[in-house]
Amino acid sequence: MSDPKHATPAEPTDATSEAHLRIDAVPGDGRDETENERLDRNWNEMLQELRVIQTGTQILTGFLLAAVFQSRFEELDDYQRTVYLCLVVTSILTTVFGLTPVSLHRALFRQRKKAQVVRVTDHILTFTMVGVALTLAGTGMLIFDFVFGRVGGIVIGVVILLVVAVLWIVVPRVVRRTPHIELRG
């Protein structure tokens, strides 16, 4: 009888079907894990990402909520107030998205739904990152609009979105396509 922990990806064990094979295992990646171990690892990696995102979105949301109570808030024109309110909504929704995986995990705890939790959390993290990008660009845009005028605000908003697109989309794709180079001591 085969040992499920040491089964190769092409060899189903007696206790598993092909659906439970390590479908994302990369040959030669040094991992020898069951599907449950892989799901646990993926969940733990996502939790680390969530911790960073949650802290950032909560701080940014707090900053935006506090801004309305500043004395200079009255100096904002209608456009700036509209941008501000859109930012508050975007930031709050981004915070809600960032907290959703915790609620999902809590609701499905001990229900043997970790694969679904990991899959849904992966999608939620993508939406959360979009919300973070929009909130960052919008906040930069609002501040520069207030200090330097409409053109300055729009320029910095676009620049921030371009930087985010390069660092969060282009760079990972380039790294993914780059052959692995092993560095030795």
Protein backbone atom coordinates (compact mmCIF):
# COMPACT_ATOMS: atom_id res chain seq x y z
CA MET A 1 0.00 0.00 0.00
CA SER A 2 1.29 3.47 -0.91
CA ASP A 3 2.11 6.12 1.66
CA PRO A 4 -0.14 9.14 0.78
CA LYS A 5 2.45 11.64 1.99
CA HIS A 6 5.12 10.28 -0.34
CA ALA A 7 2.97 9.62 -3.40
CA THR A 8 4.18 11.18 -6.63
CA PRO A 9 1.81 13.59 -8.39
CA ALA A 10 1.08 11.03 -11.11
CA GLU A 11 0.35 8.22 -8.65
CA PRO A 12 -3.00 8.27 -6.84
CA THR A 13 -2.96 6.55 -3.46
CA ASP A 14 -5.51 4.08 -2.19
CA ALA A 15 -6.93 6.76 0.11
CA THR A 16 -7.21 9.49 -2.52
CA SER A 17 -8.64 10.02 -5.94
CA GLU A 18 -7.10 11.98 -8.79
CA ALA A 19 -9.02 15.06 -7.59
CA HIS A 20 -6.96 15.06 -4.38
CA LEU A 21 -3.56 14.92 -6.06
CA ARG A 22 -1.06 17.70 -5.59
CA ILE A 23 -2.18 19.54 -8.70
CA ASP A 24 -0.01 22.62 -8.23
CA ALA A 25 3.16 20.81 -7.21
CA VAL A 26 6.07 21.88 -9.35
CA PRO A 27 8.45 19.04 -10.19
CA GLY A 28 11.76 19.62 -8.48
CA ASP A 29 10.49 22.35 -6.15
CA GLY A 30 11.64 20.34 -3.14
CA ARG A 31 8.21 19.99 -1.61
CA ASP A 32 6.77 16.67 -0.63
CA GLU A 33 3.39 17.56 0.76
CA THR A 34 -0.13 16.22 0.72
CA GLU A 35 -2.98 18.33 -0.59
CA ASN A 36 -3.97 19.21 2.99
CA GLU A 37 -0.40 20.30 3.76
CA ARG A 38 -0.35 22.39 0.59
CA LEU A 39 -3.68 24.01 1.49
CA ASP A 40 -2.41 24.74 5.01
CA ARG A 41 0.77 26.31 3.56
CA ASN A 42 -1.22 28.35 1.03
CA TRP A 43 -3.62 29.54 3.75
CA ASN A 44 -0.73 30.55 6.01
CA GLU A 45 0.93 32.47 3.17
CA MET A 46 -2.35 34.26 2.44
CA LEU A 47 -2.71 35.13 6.14
CA GLN A 48 0.68 36.85 6.00
CA GLU A 49 -0.48 38.87 2.99
CA LEU A 50 -3.76 39.71 4.75
CA ARG A 51 -1.93 40.97 7.83
CA VAL A 52 0.00 43.49 5.74
CA ILE A 53 -3.03 44.56 3.70
CA GLN A 54 -5.34 44.84 6.72
CA THR A 55 -2.92 47.04 8.62
CA GLY A 56 -2.37 49.33 5.64
CA THR A 57 -6.03 49.66 4.72
CA GLN A 58 -7.10 50.26 8.31
CA ILE A 59 -4.49 53.01 8.77
CA LEU A 60 -5.43 54.63 5.45
CA THR A 61 -9.15 54.42 6.27
CA GLY A 62 -8.49 55.99 9.67
CA PHE A 63 -6.54 58.81 8.03
CA LEU A 64 -9.36 59.47 5.58
CA LEU A 65 -12.02 59.38 8.29
CA ALA A 66 -10.04 61.80 10.46
CA ALA A 67 -9.45 64.25 7.58
CA VAL A 68 -13.06 65.44 7.65
CA PHE A 69 -12.50 66.79 11.16
CA GLN A 70 -9.53 68.96 10.18
CA SER A 71 -10.06 72.70 9.98
CA ARG A 72 -8.90 72.95 6.36
CA PHE A 73 -11.49 70.40 5.19
CA GLU A 74 -13.90 73.29 4.64
CA GLU A 75 -11.55 74.62 1.94
CA LEU A 76 -12.22 71.64 -0.34
CA ASP A 77 -14.24 72.40 -3.45
CA ASP A 78 -17.10 70.21 -4.69
CA TYR A 79 -14.82 68.06 -6.87
CA GLN A 80 -12.42 67.45 -3.98
CA ARG A 81 -15.29 66.57 -1.63
CA THR A 82 -16.64 64.11 -4.19
CA VAL A 83 -13.20 62.52 -4.60
CA TYR A 84 -12.84 62.42 -0.81
CA LEU A 85 -16.19 60.65 -0.34
CA CYS A 86 -15.36 58.17 -3.12
CA LEU A 87 -12.05 57.49 -1.36
CA VAL A 88 -13.76 56.92 1.98
CA VAL A 89 -16.16 54.43 0.40
CA THR A 90 -13.36 52.69 -1.52
CA SER A 91 -11.15 52.52 1.55
CA ILE A 92 -13.91 51.15 3.77
CA LEU A 93 -14.88 48.54 1.15
CA THR A 94 -11.21 47.60 0.76
CA THR A 95 -10.96 47.12 4.51
CA VAL A 96 -14.11 44.97 4.43
CA PHE A 97 -12.66 42.86 1.59
CA GLY A 98 -9.41 42.47 3.56
CA LEU A 99 -11.33 41.20 6.59
CA THR A 100 -13.67 38.92 4.64
CA PRO A 101 -11.30 35.89 4.55
CA VAL A 102 -11.21 35.92 8.35
CA SER A 103 -15.01 35.86 8.49
CA LEU A 104 -15.12 33.17 5.80
CA HIS A 105 -12.62 31.03 7.67
CA ARG A 106 -14.54 31.53 10.92
CA ALA A 107 -17.87 30.53 9.30
CA LEU A 108 -16.38 27.44 7.65
CA PHE A 109 -14.01 26.39 10.44
CA ARG A 110 -13.94 22.60 10.88
CA GLN A 111 -16.28 22.13 7.90
CA ARG A 112 -13.56 20.56 5.70
CA LYS A 113 -13.81 23.50 3.29
CA LYS A 114 -10.20 24.71 3.34
CA ALA A 115 -9.80 24.26 -0.44
CA GLN A 116 -12.79 26.54 -1.02
CA VAL A 117 -11.59 29.04 1.60
CA VAL A 118 -8.15 29.21 -0.05
CA ARG A 119 -9.63 29.57 -3.55
CA VAL A 120 -12.12 32.29 -2.55
CA THR A 121 -9.51 34.12 -0.45
CA ASP A 122 -7.20 34.20 -3.47
CA HIS A 123 -9.90 36.08 -5.42
CA ILE A 124 -10.72 38.34 -2.46
CA LEU A 125 -7.04 39.29 -2.14
CA THR A 126 -7.04 40.36 -5.79
CA PHE A 127 -10.05 42.64 -5.23
CA THR A 128 -8.43 43.96 -2.05
CA MET A 129 -5.23 44.85 -3.94
CA VAL A 130 -7.29 46.71 -6.56
CA GLY A 131 -9.00 48.64 -3.76
CA VAL A 132 -5.63 49.46 -2.18
CA ALA A 133 -4.29 50.70 -5.54
CA LEU A 134 -7.33 52.90 -6.15
CA THR A 135 -7.26 54.28 -2.60
CA LEU A 136 -3.54 55.07 -2.79
CA ALA A 137 -3.82 56.73 -6.19
CA GLY A 138 -6.95 58.62 -5.18
CA THR A 139 -5.42 59.83 -1.93
CA GLY A 140 -2.33 61.07 -3.76
CA MET A 141 -4.57 62.69 -6.34
CA LEU A 142 -6.67 64.46 -3.70
CA ILE A 143 -3.67 65.77 -1.78
CA PHE A 144 -1.89 67.03 -4.90
CA ASP A 145 -5.14 68.52 -6.20
CA PHE A 146 -5.52 70.44 -2.95
CA VAL A 147 -1.90 71.64 -2.86
CA PHE A 148 -1.00 72.08 -6.56
CA GLY A 149 -4.31 72.16 -8.42
CA ARG A 150 -6.38 69.87 -10.59
CA VAL A 151 -3.67 69.06 -13.16
CA GLY A 152 -1.14 68.19 -10.44
CA GLY A 153 -3.67 65.92 -8.78
CA ILE A 154 -4.57 64.07 -11.95
CA VAL A 155 -0.90 63.68 -12.93
CA ILE A 156 0.12 62.21 -9.57
CA GLY A 157 -2.95 59.92 -9.52
CA VAL A 158 -2.02 58.52 -12.94
CA VAL A 159 1.67 58.20 -11.97
CA ILE A 160 0.77 56.25 -8.81
CA LEU A 161 -1.49 53.90 -10.81
CA LEU A 162 1.30 53.37 -13.36
CA VAL A 163 3.86 52.62 -10.63
CA VAL A 164 1.41 50.19 -8.99
CA ALA A 165 0.73 48.49 -12.33
CA VAL A 166 4.44 48.08 -13.03
CA LEU A 167 5.36 46.84 -9.55
CA TRP A 168 2.29 44.69 -8.87
CA ILE A 169 1.53 43.32 -12.35
CA VAL A 170 4.49 43.66 -14.73
CA VAL A 171 7.34 42.80 -12.33
CA PRO A 172 5.70 39.57 -11.07
CA ARG A 173 5.03 38.46 -14.65
CA VAL A 174 8.64 39.13 -15.64
CA VAL A 175 9.90 37.24 -12.59
CA ARG A 176 7.53 34.34 -13.36
CA ARG A 177 8.95 34.06 -16.89
CA THR A 178 12.57 34.37 -15.80
CA PRO A 179 14.35 31.04 -15.47
CA HIS A 180 15.30 30.12 -11.93
CA ILE A 181 18.94 30.94 -11.17
CA GLU A 182 20.42 29.18 -8.21
CA LEU A 183 22.91 31.24 -6.23
CA ARG A 184 25.64 29.41 -4.38
CA GLY A 185 27.46 30.59 -1.32
